[in-house]
């Protein structure tokens, strides 16, 4: 299930700030998109409805604000990075760092 971070356009300084909330959605936008663009007149998923009225910190002024306009609340897909498996050197020997010469 894709994970999304929520961002809002600030009512204090007009910059975009992270809400500090991530949600999982069965279906959501492929790129950053406002709630209005992503869902329009459709019913918002319960995970998105749950953050209605959530206060966000303005990183510029230090004040908390609530953004109500769905055109100014954004879903941004979270990038998932998979860990790389440990690899051996071509000769099959362990990495040089894993043994110590006496």
N, C-alpha and C. Protein backbone atom coordinates (compact mmCIF):
# COMPACT_ATOMS: atom_id res chain seq x y z
N UNK A 1 0.84 -1.17 0.00
CA UNK A 1 0.00 0.00 0.00
C UNK A 1 0.90 1.24 0.00
N UNK A 2 0.72 2.14 -0.96
CA UNK A 2 1.58 3.33 -1.05
C UNK A 2 1.43 4.25 0.18
N UNK A 3 2.53 4.87 0.54
CA UNK A 3 2.56 5.79 1.67
C UNK A 3 2.73 7.22 1.15
N UNK A 4 2.01 8.14 1.77
CA UNK A 4 2.02 9.55 1.37
C UNK A 4 2.31 10.44 2.56
N UNK A 5 3.05 11.52 2.33
CA UNK A 5 3.26 12.55 3.33
C UNK A 5 2.33 13.70 3.00
N UNK A 6 1.82 14.37 4.04
CA UNK A 6 0.93 15.51 3.86
C UNK A 6 1.69 16.81 4.04
N UNK A 7 1.46 17.74 3.14
CA UNK A 7 2.06 19.07 3.18
C UNK A 7 0.93 20.09 3.05
N UNK A 8 1.14 21.28 3.62
CA UNK A 8 0.12 22.33 3.53
C UNK A 8 0.76 23.66 3.17
N UNK A 9 0.00 24.47 2.47
CA UNK A 9 0.41 25.84 2.17
C UNK A 9 0.08 26.66 3.41
N UNK A 10 1.05 27.38 3.90
CA UNK A 10 0.95 28.09 5.18
C UNK A 10 0.08 29.34 5.08
N UNK A 11 -0.78 29.53 6.07
CA UNK A 11 -1.61 30.73 6.13
C UNK A 11 -0.83 31.90 6.72
N UNK A 12 0.33 31.64 7.30
CA UNK A 12 1.16 32.68 7.91
C UNK A 12 2.17 33.29 6.91
N UNK A 13 2.91 32.40 6.19
CA UNK A 13 4.00 32.88 5.32
C UNK A 13 3.84 32.48 3.85
N UNK A 14 2.82 31.69 3.53
CA UNK A 14 2.53 31.21 2.17
C UNK A 14 3.53 30.19 1.63
N UNK A 15 4.47 29.72 2.44
CA UNK A 15 5.34 28.62 2.02
C UNK A 15 4.61 27.30 2.25
N UNK A 16 5.15 26.22 1.70
CA UNK A 16 4.58 24.89 1.92
C UNK A 16 5.39 24.20 3.01
N UNK A 17 4.69 23.68 4.03
CA UNK A 17 5.33 23.03 5.17
C UNK A 17 4.83 21.60 5.31
N UNK A 18 5.66 20.70 5.82
CA UNK A 18 5.18 19.34 6.11
C UNK A 18 4.26 19.35 7.32
N UNK A 19 3.22 18.53 7.28
CA UNK A 19 2.33 18.41 8.43
C UNK A 19 2.93 17.48 9.48
N UNK A 20 3.92 16.68 9.07
CA UNK A 20 4.49 15.70 10.00
C UNK A 20 3.62 14.46 10.12
N UNK A 21 2.81 14.23 9.10
CA UNK A 21 1.88 13.09 9.10
C UNK A 21 2.08 12.32 7.80
N UNK A 22 2.14 11.00 7.92
CA UNK A 22 2.14 10.17 6.72
C UNK A 22 0.98 9.19 6.83
N UNK A 23 0.40 8.88 5.69
CA UNK A 23 -0.75 7.99 5.64
C UNK A 23 -0.55 6.95 4.54
N UNK A 24 -1.24 5.84 4.67
CA UNK A 24 -1.24 4.81 3.64
C UNK A 24 -2.58 4.87 2.92
N UNK A 25 -2.54 4.86 1.59
CA UNK A 25 -3.76 4.90 0.78
C UNK A 25 -3.74 3.77 -0.23
N UNK A 26 -4.91 3.15 -0.44
CA UNK A 26 -5.02 2.11 -1.47
C UNK A 26 -4.76 2.68 -2.85
N UNK A 27 -5.31 3.85 -3.09
CA UNK A 27 -5.09 4.51 -4.39
C UNK A 27 -4.92 6.00 -4.13
N UNK A 28 -3.89 6.56 -4.70
CA UNK A 28 -3.60 7.97 -4.54
C UNK A 28 -2.84 8.47 -5.74
N UNK A 29 -2.47 9.73 -5.76
CA UNK A 29 -1.77 10.30 -6.91
C UNK A 29 -0.35 9.75 -7.06
N UNK A 30 0.13 9.72 -8.31
CA UNK A 30 1.48 9.24 -8.59
C UNK A 30 2.53 10.30 -8.23
N UNK A 31 2.15 11.56 -8.32
CA UNK A 31 3.04 12.67 -8.00
C UNK A 31 2.36 13.55 -6.95
N UNK A 32 3.07 14.59 -6.50
CA UNK A 32 2.46 15.51 -5.53
C UNK A 32 1.23 16.14 -6.15
N UNK A 33 0.15 16.15 -5.39
CA UNK A 33 -1.11 16.68 -5.90
C UNK A 33 -1.95 17.19 -4.73
N UNK A 34 -2.71 18.25 -4.97
CA UNK A 34 -3.58 18.76 -3.91
C UNK A 34 -4.74 17.78 -3.69
N UNK A 35 -5.34 17.86 -2.51
CA UNK A 35 -6.51 17.02 -2.23
C UNK A 35 -7.62 17.31 -3.22
N UNK A 36 -7.79 18.59 -3.58
CA UNK A 36 -8.83 18.97 -4.52
C UNK A 36 -8.59 18.35 -5.90
N UNK A 37 -7.33 18.38 -6.36
CA UNK A 37 -7.01 17.78 -7.67
C UNK A 37 -7.12 16.25 -7.62
N UNK A 38 -6.71 15.66 -6.52
CA UNK A 38 -6.69 14.20 -6.41
C UNK A 38 -8.10 13.61 -6.25
N UNK A 39 -8.97 14.30 -5.49
CA UNK A 39 -10.28 13.72 -5.19
C UNK A 39 -11.46 14.55 -5.67
N UNK A 40 -11.25 15.84 -5.95
CA UNK A 40 -12.34 16.68 -6.45
C UNK A 40 -13.55 16.63 -5.53
N UNK A 41 -14.68 16.32 -6.09
CA UNK A 41 -15.94 16.27 -5.33
C UNK A 41 -16.15 14.91 -4.66
N UNK A 42 -15.27 13.95 -4.90
CA UNK A 42 -15.41 12.62 -4.30
C UNK A 42 -15.15 12.68 -2.80
N UNK A 43 -15.66 11.70 -2.11
CA UNK A 43 -15.44 11.59 -0.67
C UNK A 43 -13.97 11.29 -0.39
N UNK A 44 -13.38 12.03 0.54
CA UNK A 44 -11.98 11.81 0.90
C UNK A 44 -11.84 10.50 1.66
N UNK A 45 -10.72 9.80 1.48
CA UNK A 45 -10.49 8.58 2.25
C UNK A 45 -10.47 8.89 3.76
N UNK A 46 -10.86 7.93 4.59
CA UNK A 46 -10.91 8.16 6.04
C UNK A 46 -9.58 8.64 6.63
N UNK A 47 -8.45 8.15 6.08
CA UNK A 47 -7.14 8.56 6.59
C UNK A 47 -6.93 10.06 6.39
N UNK A 48 -7.44 10.60 5.29
CA UNK A 48 -7.30 12.03 4.99
C UNK A 48 -8.30 12.82 5.84
N UNK A 49 -9.51 12.30 5.99
CA UNK A 49 -10.51 12.97 6.81
C UNK A 49 -10.04 13.10 8.26
N UNK A 50 -9.25 12.15 8.73
CA UNK A 50 -8.80 12.14 10.12
C UNK A 50 -7.88 13.32 10.46
N UNK A 51 -7.25 13.93 9.48
CA UNK A 51 -6.33 15.04 9.76
C UNK A 51 -7.00 16.41 9.62
N UNK A 52 -8.31 16.41 9.36
CA UNK A 52 -9.04 17.67 9.25
C UNK A 52 -8.91 18.46 10.55
N UNK A 53 -8.49 19.70 10.45
CA UNK A 53 -8.33 20.55 11.62
C UNK A 53 -7.00 20.39 12.33
N UNK A 54 -6.11 19.57 11.78
CA UNK A 54 -4.80 19.35 12.39
C UNK A 54 -3.95 20.62 12.30
N UNK A 55 -3.36 21.01 13.42
CA UNK A 55 -2.51 22.20 13.42
C UNK A 55 -1.12 21.85 12.90
N UNK A 56 -0.58 22.75 12.09
CA UNK A 56 0.75 22.59 11.50
C UNK A 56 1.61 23.76 11.94
N UNK A 57 2.88 23.49 12.18
CA UNK A 57 3.81 24.53 12.60
C UNK A 57 4.39 25.26 11.39
N UNK A 58 4.30 26.59 11.40
CA UNK A 58 4.96 27.40 10.37
C UNK A 58 6.44 27.42 10.73
N UNK A 59 7.26 26.92 9.82
CA UNK A 59 8.70 26.84 10.08
C UNK A 59 9.38 28.20 10.04
N UNK A 60 8.68 29.21 9.50
CA UNK A 60 9.26 30.55 9.40
C UNK A 60 8.91 31.41 10.62
N UNK A 61 7.63 31.39 11.02
CA UNK A 61 7.19 32.25 12.12
C UNK A 61 7.13 31.55 13.47
N UNK A 62 7.08 30.21 13.45
CA UNK A 62 6.95 29.45 14.69
C UNK A 62 5.51 29.36 15.20
N UNK A 63 4.56 29.89 14.45
CA UNK A 63 3.15 29.85 14.85
C UNK A 63 2.48 28.60 14.27
N UNK A 64 1.45 28.14 14.98
CA UNK A 64 0.67 27.01 14.49
C UNK A 64 -0.53 27.54 13.71
N UNK A 65 -0.93 26.80 12.67
CA UNK A 65 -2.06 27.21 11.84
C UNK A 65 -2.82 25.99 11.36
N UNK A 66 -4.05 26.20 10.92
CA UNK A 66 -4.88 25.14 10.35
C UNK A 66 -5.22 25.55 8.93
N UNK A 67 -4.98 24.65 7.99
CA UNK A 67 -5.30 24.91 6.58
C UNK A 67 -6.57 24.12 6.26
N UNK A 68 -7.63 24.80 5.84
CA UNK A 68 -8.92 24.15 5.54
C UNK A 68 -9.15 23.96 4.04
N UNK A 69 -8.44 24.72 3.20
CA UNK A 69 -8.66 24.70 1.75
C UNK A 69 -8.02 23.46 1.13
N UNK A 70 -8.82 22.54 0.56
CA UNK A 70 -8.26 21.31 -0.04
C UNK A 70 -7.35 21.58 -1.24
N UNK A 71 -7.43 22.79 -1.80
CA UNK A 71 -6.53 23.15 -2.90
C UNK A 71 -5.12 23.48 -2.37
N UNK A 72 -5.00 23.66 -1.05
CA UNK A 72 -3.73 24.05 -0.44
C UNK A 72 -3.20 22.98 0.52
N UNK A 73 -3.76 21.78 0.44
CA UNK A 73 -3.28 20.62 1.20
C UNK A 73 -2.84 19.59 0.17
N UNK A 74 -1.62 19.06 0.33
CA UNK A 74 -1.01 18.22 -0.72
C UNK A 74 -0.64 16.84 -0.20
N UNK A 75 -0.85 15.87 -1.08
CA UNK A 75 -0.36 14.51 -0.86
C UNK A 75 0.91 14.36 -1.68
N UNK A 76 1.94 13.83 -1.07
CA UNK A 76 3.19 13.60 -1.79
C UNK A 76 3.62 12.16 -1.54
N UNK A 77 3.77 11.36 -2.61
CA UNK A 77 4.20 9.97 -2.42
C UNK A 77 5.56 9.91 -1.73
N UNK A 78 5.69 9.00 -0.79
CA UNK A 78 6.97 8.82 -0.09
C UNK A 78 7.83 7.88 -0.92
N UNK A 79 9.08 8.27 -1.08
CA UNK A 79 10.03 7.42 -1.80
C UNK A 79 10.48 6.29 -0.88
N UNK A 80 10.42 5.07 -1.37
CA UNK A 80 10.84 3.91 -0.60
C UNK A 80 12.18 3.44 -1.13
N UNK A 81 13.15 3.33 -0.25
CA UNK A 81 14.47 2.87 -0.64
C UNK A 81 14.69 1.50 -0.01
N UNK A 82 14.97 0.54 -0.86
CA UNK A 82 15.22 -0.82 -0.37
C UNK A 82 16.69 -0.98 -0.03
N UNK A 83 17.00 -1.67 1.07
CA UNK A 83 18.40 -1.88 1.40
C UNK A 83 19.07 -2.79 0.36
N UNK A 84 20.33 -2.49 0.07
CA UNK A 84 21.06 -3.31 -0.89
C UNK A 84 21.60 -4.54 -0.18
N UNK A 85 21.53 -5.70 -0.83
CA UNK A 85 22.07 -6.91 -0.19
C UNK A 85 23.60 -6.83 -0.13
N UNK A 86 24.17 -7.46 0.88
CA UNK A 86 25.61 -7.49 1.03
C UNK A 86 26.22 -8.29 -0.12
N UNK A 87 27.30 -7.78 -0.68
CA UNK A 87 27.93 -8.43 -1.82
C UNK A 87 29.33 -8.88 -1.46
N UNK A 88 29.76 -9.95 -2.11
CA UNK A 88 31.12 -10.43 -1.93
C UNK A 88 31.98 -9.93 -3.07
N UNK A 89 33.29 -9.93 -2.85
CA UNK A 89 34.21 -9.59 -3.92
C UNK A 89 34.16 -10.69 -4.97
N UNK A 90 34.57 -10.41 -6.21
CA UNK A 90 34.47 -11.38 -7.29
C UNK A 90 35.15 -12.72 -6.99
N UNK A 91 36.19 -12.76 -6.20
CA UNK A 91 36.89 -14.00 -5.92
C UNK A 91 36.15 -14.88 -4.93
N UNK A 92 35.11 -14.34 -4.33
CA UNK A 92 34.38 -15.11 -3.34
C UNK A 92 34.92 -14.91 -1.94
N UNK A 93 36.00 -14.14 -1.82
CA UNK A 93 36.55 -13.85 -0.50
C UNK A 93 35.67 -12.84 0.21
N UNK A 94 35.69 -12.82 1.51
CA UNK A 94 34.92 -11.81 2.23
C UNK A 94 35.53 -10.43 2.00
N UNK A 95 34.78 -9.40 2.30
CA UNK A 95 35.30 -8.05 2.17
C UNK A 95 36.59 -7.90 2.98
N UNK A 96 37.48 -7.07 2.47
CA UNK A 96 38.75 -6.85 3.19
C UNK A 96 38.54 -6.30 4.58
N UNK A 97 37.48 -5.52 4.76
CA UNK A 97 37.23 -4.91 6.06
C UNK A 97 36.76 -5.94 7.08
N UNK A 98 36.36 -7.14 6.64
CA UNK A 98 35.82 -8.10 7.59
C UNK A 98 36.90 -9.02 8.19
N UNK A 99 38.15 -8.86 7.81
CA UNK A 99 39.22 -9.61 8.47
C UNK A 99 40.37 -8.67 8.75
N UNK A 100 41.22 -9.06 9.69
CA UNK A 100 42.32 -8.19 10.09
C UNK A 100 43.64 -8.95 9.92
N UNK A 101 44.60 -8.26 9.29
CA UNK A 101 45.92 -8.86 9.14
C UNK A 101 46.67 -8.71 10.48
N UNK A 102 47.46 -9.74 10.83
CA UNK A 102 48.21 -9.71 12.09
C UNK A 102 49.59 -9.21 11.89
